[in-house]
Amino acid sequence: MDGDERAIRDLVSTWITASNAGDIEKVLSLMADDVVFLVAGQTPMRKAEFIAGHNALKDVAMEAKSEIQEIKVFGDWAYLWTKLSVAMTPRGGTPATRTGNALSILQKRSGKWVLFRDANMLA
């Protein structure tokens, strides 16, 4: 495994750990300012909408798991295919679990990999 692949695996691990801990600042540091998220049935979401969505879920505990299926690096660009599972439990409520795949495009900026585009296909 080369250094870029290791760095991308570390980014995914950090993202999952920070998401599960509710550490939005850490998650935001892993994405480009011009990031775009594509989710089936919804309009594209940019960073501001991501933050608003996170803030709307303050009373929801999240437990995400990611299993990397493929990483391909092309210079300062890379794509990543993962199998995801996300369980969201409202305070005092029942967990709702969504599973599926995500295809992410990463870009190396100033020597650091960041999420640039993400197509989330959780059902």
N, C-alpha and C. Protein backbone atom coordinates (compact mmCIF):
# COMPACT_ATOMS: atom_id res chain seq x y z
N MET A 1 0.85 -1.17 0.00
CA MET A 1 0.00 0.00 0.00
C MET A 1 0.90 1.24 0.00
N ASP A 2 0.62 2.15 -0.93
CA ASP A 2 1.46 3.35 -1.01
C ASP A 2 0.95 4.43 -0.05
N GLY A 3 1.69 5.53 0.01
CA GLY A 3 1.37 6.60 0.95
C GLY A 3 0.03 7.27 0.69
N ASP A 4 -0.33 7.43 -0.59
CA ASP A 4 -1.62 8.05 -0.91
C ASP A 4 -2.78 7.15 -0.47
N GLU A 5 -2.67 5.87 -0.75
CA GLU A 5 -3.75 4.96 -0.33
C GLU A 5 -3.87 4.94 1.19
N ARG A 6 -2.75 4.93 1.90
CA ARG A 6 -2.78 4.96 3.37
C ARG A 6 -3.44 6.24 3.86
N ALA A 7 -3.08 7.38 3.24
CA ALA A 7 -3.67 8.66 3.65
C ALA A 7 -5.18 8.67 3.42
N ILE A 8 -5.63 8.07 2.32
CA ILE A 8 -7.07 8.02 2.03
C ILE A 8 -7.77 7.11 3.03
N ARG A 9 -7.17 5.98 3.34
CA ARG A 9 -7.75 5.09 4.36
C ARG A 9 -7.83 5.79 5.72
N ASP A 10 -6.81 6.57 6.03
CA ASP A 10 -6.82 7.34 7.29
C ASP A 10 -7.92 8.39 7.28
N LEU A 11 -8.13 9.05 6.13
CA LEU A 11 -9.20 10.04 6.01
C LEU A 11 -10.55 9.39 6.30
N VAL A 12 -10.81 8.22 5.70
CA VAL A 12 -12.08 7.52 5.92
C VAL A 12 -12.23 7.13 7.39
N SER A 13 -11.19 6.61 7.97
CA SER A 13 -11.24 6.20 9.39
C SER A 13 -11.50 7.41 10.29
N THR A 14 -10.82 8.52 10.01
CA THR A 14 -11.01 9.74 10.79
C THR A 14 -12.43 10.26 10.62
N TRP A 15 -12.95 10.23 9.39
CA TRP A 15 -14.31 10.70 9.10
C TRP A 15 -15.32 9.90 9.92
N ILE A 16 -15.19 8.57 9.90
CA ILE A 16 -16.14 7.71 10.62
C ILE A 16 -16.04 7.95 12.13
N THR A 17 -14.84 8.01 12.66
CA THR A 17 -14.65 8.24 14.09
C THR A 17 -15.23 9.60 14.50
N ALA A 18 -14.92 10.63 13.72
CA ALA A 18 -15.42 11.98 14.03
C ALA A 18 -16.94 12.05 13.89
N SER A 19 -17.49 11.42 12.87
CA SER A 19 -18.95 11.41 12.69
C SER A 19 -19.64 10.74 13.86
N ASN A 20 -19.12 9.61 14.28
CA ASN A 20 -19.72 8.88 15.41
C ASN A 20 -19.62 9.67 16.71
N ALA A 21 -18.58 10.50 16.82
CA ALA A 21 -18.40 11.32 18.02
C ALA A 21 -19.14 12.66 17.94
N GLY A 22 -19.72 12.96 16.78
CA GLY A 22 -20.40 14.24 16.61
C GLY A 22 -19.45 15.41 16.43
N ASP A 23 -18.21 15.13 16.03
CA ASP A 23 -17.19 16.15 15.87
C ASP A 23 -17.28 16.77 14.47
N ILE A 24 -18.21 17.69 14.29
CA ILE A 24 -18.46 18.29 12.99
C ILE A 24 -17.26 19.07 12.48
N GLU A 25 -16.51 19.72 13.35
CA GLU A 25 -15.35 20.49 12.90
C GLU A 25 -14.31 19.58 12.26
N LYS A 26 -14.09 18.41 12.81
CA LYS A 26 -13.14 17.46 12.25
C LYS A 26 -13.63 16.97 10.90
N VAL A 27 -14.92 16.64 10.81
CA VAL A 27 -15.48 16.18 9.54
C VAL A 27 -15.34 17.27 8.48
N LEU A 28 -15.66 18.50 8.83
CA LEU A 28 -15.56 19.61 7.87
C LEU A 28 -14.13 19.81 7.38
N SER A 29 -13.16 19.53 8.23
CA SER A 29 -11.75 19.68 7.83
C SER A 29 -11.32 18.65 6.79
N LEU A 30 -12.14 17.62 6.60
CA LEU A 30 -11.80 16.54 5.67
C LEU A 30 -12.43 16.73 4.30
N MET A 31 -13.18 17.83 4.14
CA MET A 31 -13.84 18.07 2.86
C MET A 31 -13.41 19.40 2.27
N ALA A 32 -13.45 19.46 0.95
CA ALA A 32 -13.14 20.70 0.24
C ALA A 32 -14.26 21.72 0.49
N ASP A 33 -13.93 22.98 0.42
CA ASP A 33 -14.95 24.02 0.60
C ASP A 33 -16.01 23.94 -0.49
N ASP A 34 -15.62 23.45 -1.69
CA ASP A 34 -16.56 23.34 -2.81
C ASP A 34 -17.08 21.92 -3.00
N VAL A 35 -17.14 21.16 -1.91
CA VAL A 35 -17.64 19.78 -1.94
C VAL A 35 -19.10 19.75 -2.40
N VAL A 36 -19.48 18.65 -3.06
CA VAL A 36 -20.87 18.43 -3.45
C VAL A 36 -21.22 16.98 -3.10
N PHE A 37 -22.36 16.82 -2.41
CA PHE A 37 -22.88 15.51 -2.05
C PHE A 37 -24.11 15.23 -2.92
N LEU A 38 -24.15 14.06 -3.52
CA LEU A 38 -25.29 13.63 -4.32
C LEU A 38 -25.99 12.50 -3.58
N VAL A 39 -27.28 12.69 -3.30
CA VAL A 39 -28.08 11.71 -2.59
C VAL A 39 -29.34 11.48 -3.41
N ALA A 40 -29.68 10.21 -3.64
CA ALA A 40 -30.85 9.88 -4.46
C ALA A 40 -32.10 10.59 -3.95
N GLY A 41 -32.84 11.20 -4.89
CA GLY A 41 -34.11 11.84 -4.55
C GLY A 41 -33.98 13.21 -3.91
N GLN A 42 -32.77 13.74 -3.78
CA GLN A 42 -32.57 15.04 -3.16
C GLN A 42 -31.75 15.94 -4.08
N THR A 43 -31.85 17.23 -3.87
CA THR A 43 -31.02 18.15 -4.64
C THR A 43 -29.58 18.04 -4.14
N PRO A 44 -28.61 18.35 -4.99
CA PRO A 44 -27.22 18.30 -4.54
C PRO A 44 -27.01 19.16 -3.30
N MET A 45 -26.17 18.67 -2.41
CA MET A 45 -25.92 19.33 -1.14
C MET A 45 -24.47 19.82 -1.12
N ARG A 46 -24.31 21.07 -0.74
CA ARG A 46 -22.98 21.64 -0.61
C ARG A 46 -22.62 21.72 0.87
N LYS A 47 -21.49 22.30 1.16
CA LYS A 47 -20.99 22.31 2.55
C LYS A 47 -21.96 22.99 3.51
N ALA A 48 -22.55 24.09 3.12
CA ALA A 48 -23.49 24.80 4.00
C ALA A 48 -24.70 23.93 4.33
N GLU A 49 -25.21 23.19 3.34
CA GLU A 49 -26.35 22.31 3.59
C GLU A 49 -25.94 21.12 4.45
N PHE A 50 -24.71 20.66 4.29
CA PHE A 50 -24.19 19.57 5.13
C PHE A 50 -24.19 20.01 6.59
N ILE A 51 -23.71 21.22 6.84
CA ILE A 51 -23.66 21.76 8.21
C ILE A 51 -25.07 21.90 8.77
N ALA A 52 -25.99 22.43 7.96
CA ALA A 52 -27.37 22.60 8.41
C ALA A 52 -28.00 21.25 8.74
N GLY A 53 -27.73 20.25 7.92
CA GLY A 53 -28.25 18.91 8.18
C GLY A 53 -27.71 18.33 9.46
N HIS A 54 -26.43 18.54 9.70
CA HIS A 54 -25.82 18.08 10.95
C HIS A 54 -26.46 18.78 12.15
N ASN A 55 -26.63 20.08 12.04
CA ASN A 55 -27.21 20.84 13.16
C ASN A 55 -28.65 20.42 13.46
N ALA A 56 -29.37 19.98 12.43
CA ALA A 56 -30.75 19.52 12.62
C ALA A 56 -30.82 18.17 13.34
N LEU A 57 -29.69 17.48 13.40
CA LEU A 57 -29.65 16.14 14.01
C LEU A 57 -28.91 16.14 15.34
N LYS A 58 -28.89 17.25 16.04
CA LYS A 58 -28.13 17.34 17.31
C LYS A 58 -28.58 16.33 18.35
N ASP A 59 -29.86 15.96 18.36
CA ASP A 59 -30.37 15.01 19.35
C ASP A 59 -30.43 13.59 18.81
N VAL A 60 -29.65 13.32 17.79
CA VAL A 60 -29.62 11.99 17.18
C VAL A 60 -28.21 11.43 17.30
N ALA A 61 -28.12 10.23 17.88
CA ALA A 61 -26.83 9.54 17.96
C ALA A 61 -26.61 8.79 16.66
N MET A 62 -25.40 8.86 16.14
CA MET A 62 -25.09 8.19 14.89
C MET A 62 -23.98 7.17 15.10
N GLU A 63 -24.14 6.02 14.46
CA GLU A 63 -23.08 5.03 14.44
C GLU A 63 -22.89 4.58 13.00
N ALA A 64 -21.78 5.01 12.42
CA ALA A 64 -21.48 4.70 11.03
C ALA A 64 -20.35 3.67 10.97
N LYS A 65 -20.42 2.84 9.95
CA LYS A 65 -19.37 1.87 9.66
C LYS A 65 -19.09 1.93 8.18
N SER A 66 -17.83 1.81 7.82
CA SER A 66 -17.42 1.89 6.43
C SER A 66 -16.49 0.73 6.10
N GLU A 67 -16.74 0.13 4.97
CA GLU A 67 -15.87 -0.95 4.48
C GLU A 67 -15.39 -0.56 3.08
N ILE A 68 -14.12 -0.20 2.98
CA ILE A 68 -13.56 0.23 1.69
C ILE A 68 -13.49 -0.96 0.74
N GLN A 69 -14.04 -0.75 -0.46
CA GLN A 69 -14.03 -1.77 -1.49
C GLN A 69 -12.94 -1.54 -2.52
N GLU A 70 -12.66 -0.25 -2.79
CA GLU A 70 -11.70 0.05 -3.85
C GLU A 70 -11.20 1.48 -3.68
N ILE A 71 -9.92 1.66 -3.93
CA ILE A 71 -9.30 2.98 -4.00
C ILE A 71 -8.44 3.02 -5.25
N LYS A 72 -8.59 4.04 -6.05
CA LYS A 72 -7.74 4.25 -7.22
C LYS A 72 -7.24 5.68 -7.18
N VAL A 73 -5.95 5.86 -7.35
CA VAL A 73 -5.31 7.17 -7.29
C VAL A 73 -4.74 7.51 -8.67
N PHE A 74 -5.01 8.74 -9.11
CA PHE A 74 -4.52 9.25 -10.39
C PHE A 74 -3.90 10.61 -10.15
N GLY A 75 -2.65 10.65 -9.70
CA GLY A 75 -1.99 11.92 -9.39
C GLY A 75 -2.64 12.56 -8.17
N ASP A 76 -3.20 13.77 -8.36
CA ASP A 76 -3.84 14.50 -7.27
C ASP A 76 -5.34 14.24 -7.18
N TRP A 77 -5.82 13.21 -7.88
CA TRP A 77 -7.23 12.82 -7.85
C TRP A 77 -7.31 11.35 -7.47
N ALA A 78 -8.41 11.00 -6.81
CA ALA A 78 -8.63 9.60 -6.46
C ALA A 78 -10.12 9.36 -6.36
N TYR A 79 -10.51 8.09 -6.56
CA TYR A 79 -11.88 7.74 -6.23
C TYR A 79 -11.86 6.61 -5.23
N LEU A 80 -12.96 6.51 -4.52
CA LEU A 80 -13.08 5.58 -3.41
C LEU A 80 -14.50 5.03 -3.42
N TRP A 81 -14.61 3.71 -3.40
CA TRP A 81 -15.92 3.06 -3.32
C TRP A 81 -16.00 2.38 -1.96
N THR A 82 -17.05 2.66 -1.22
CA THR A 82 -17.21 2.07 0.11
C THR A 82 -18.62 1.49 0.27
N LYS A 83 -18.70 0.49 1.12
CA LYS A 83 -19.99 -0.01 1.61
C LYS A 83 -20.19 0.66 2.96
N LEU A 84 -21.34 1.29 3.14
CA LEU A 84 -21.62 2.04 4.36
C LEU A 84 -22.82 1.47 5.09
N SER A 85 -22.79 1.65 6.39
CA SER A 85 -23.94 1.37 7.24
C SER A 85 -24.01 2.51 8.24
N VAL A 86 -25.20 3.13 8.34
CA VAL A 86 -25.38 4.25 9.26
C VAL A 86 -26.65 4.01 10.08
N ALA A 87 -26.48 3.92 11.39
CA ALA A 87 -27.62 3.79 12.30
C ALA A 87 -27.79 5.13 13.01
N MET A 88 -29.00 5.68 12.93
CA MET A 88 -29.29 6.95 13.59
C MET A 88 -30.39 6.70 14.60
N THR A 89 -30.10 7.09 15.86
CA THR A 89 -31.04 6.85 16.95
C THR A 89 -31.41 8.17 17.61
N PRO A 90 -32.67 8.59 17.45
CA PRO A 90 -33.11 9.79 18.15
C PRO A 90 -33.13 9.53 19.66
N ARG A 91 -32.87 10.58 20.43
CA ARG A 91 -32.87 10.44 21.88
C ARG A 91 -34.18 9.78 22.33
N GLY A 92 -34.05 8.63 23.01
CA GLY A 92 -35.21 7.90 23.50
C GLY A 92 -35.99 7.17 22.42
N GLY A 93 -35.44 7.11 21.20
CA GLY A 93 -36.15 6.49 20.09
C GLY A 93 -35.53 5.19 19.61
N THR A 94 -36.04 4.74 18.53
CA THR A 94 -35.59 3.49 17.91
C THR A 94 -34.61 3.81 16.78
N PRO A 95 -33.53 3.02 16.68
CA PRO A 95 -32.57 3.28 15.61
C PRO A 95 -33.15 3.02 14.22
N ALA A 96 -32.76 3.85 13.29
CA ALA A 96 -33.07 3.65 11.87
C ALA A 96 -31.74 3.42 11.17
N THR A 97 -31.63 2.30 10.47
CA THR A 97 -30.37 1.95 9.83
C THR A 97 -30.52 2.02 8.32
N ARG A 98 -29.54 2.64 7.69
CA ARG A 98 -29.47 2.70 6.23
C ARG A 98 -28.14 2.08 5.81
N THR A 99 -28.18 1.29 4.75
CA THR A 99 -26.97 0.67 4.24
C THR A 99 -26.91 0.85 2.73
N GLY A 100 -25.72 0.79 2.21
CA GLY A 100 -25.55 0.89 0.77
C GLY A 100 -24.13 1.25 0.41
N ASN A 101 -23.97 1.78 -0.77
CA ASN A 101 -22.65 2.11 -1.29
C ASN A 101 -22.50 3.62 -1.45
N ALA A 102 -21.26 4.05 -1.47
CA ALA A 102 -20.93 5.44 -1.77
C ALA A 102 -19.73 5.45 -2.70
N LEU A 103 -19.75 6.37 -3.62
CA LEU A 103 -18.63 6.58 -4.52
C LEU A 103 -18.15 8.00 -4.29
N SER A 104 -16.92 8.13 -3.87
CA SER A 104 -16.37 9.44 -3.50
C SER A 104 -15.20 9.79 -4.41
N ILE A 105 -15.12 11.07 -4.74
CA ILE A 105 -13.97 11.59 -5.47
C ILE A 105 -13.20 12.48 -4.51
N LEU A 106 -11.91 12.23 -4.43
CA LEU A 106 -11.03 12.98 -3.54
C LEU A 106 -10.04 13.77 -4.38
N GLN A 107 -9.60 14.87 -3.82
CA GLN A 107 -8.57 15.67 -4.48
C GLN A 107 -7.50 16.01 -3.45
N LYS A 108 -6.26 15.97 -3.89
CA LYS A 108 -5.16 16.36 -3.01
C LYS A 108 -4.94 17.86 -3.19
N ARG A 109 -5.12 18.59 -2.07
CA ARG A 109 -4.93 20.03 -2.08
C ARG A 109 -3.91 20.38 -1.01
N SER A 110 -2.88 21.09 -1.42
CA SER A 110 -1.80 21.48 -0.50
C SER A 110 -1.25 20.25 0.22
N GLY A 111 -1.15 19.15 -0.50
CA GLY A 111 -0.56 17.92 0.05
C GLY A 111 -1.49 17.09 0.91
N LYS A 112 -2.77 17.47 1.01
CA LYS A 112 -3.72 16.77 1.88
C LYS A 112 -4.93 16.32 1.07
N TRP A 113 -5.34 15.07 1.24
CA TRP A 113 -6.52 14.55 0.56
C TRP A 113 -7.78 15.10 1.23
N VAL A 114 -8.73 15.56 0.41
CA VAL A 114 -10.02 16.04 0.89
C VAL A 114 -11.13 15.47 0.01
N LEU A 115 -12.32 15.35 0.59
CA LEU A 115 -13.47 14.91 -0.16
C LEU A 115 -13.93 16.03 -1.07
N PHE A 116 -14.08 15.73 -2.36
CA PHE A 116 -14.47 16.72 -3.36
C PHE A 116 -15.90 16.49 -3.85
N ARG A 117 -16.24 15.25 -4.15
CA ARG A 117 -17.59 14.87 -4.56
C ARG A 117 -17.94 13.54 -3.90
N ASP A 118 -19.24 13.36 -3.60
CA ASP A 118 -19.67 12.12 -2.94
C ASP A 118 -21.05 11.75 -3.44
N ALA A 119 -21.19 10.55 -3.96
CA ALA A 119 -22.50 10.03 -4.38
C ALA A 119 -22.88 8.93 -3.40
N ASN A 120 -23.85 9.24 -2.57
CA ASN A 120 -24.27 8.36 -1.48
C ASN A 120 -25.54 7.62 -1.91
N MET A 121 -25.48 6.30 -1.91
CA MET A 121 -26.61 5.49 -2.37
C MET A 121 -27.18 4.63 -1.26
N LEU A 122 -27.22 5.19 -0.04
CA LEU A 122 -27.78 4.44 1.09
C LEU A 122 -29.29 4.33 0.96
N ALA A 123 -29.80 3.15 1.27
CA ALA A 123 -31.25 2.94 1.21
C ALA A 123 -31.76 2.50 2.56
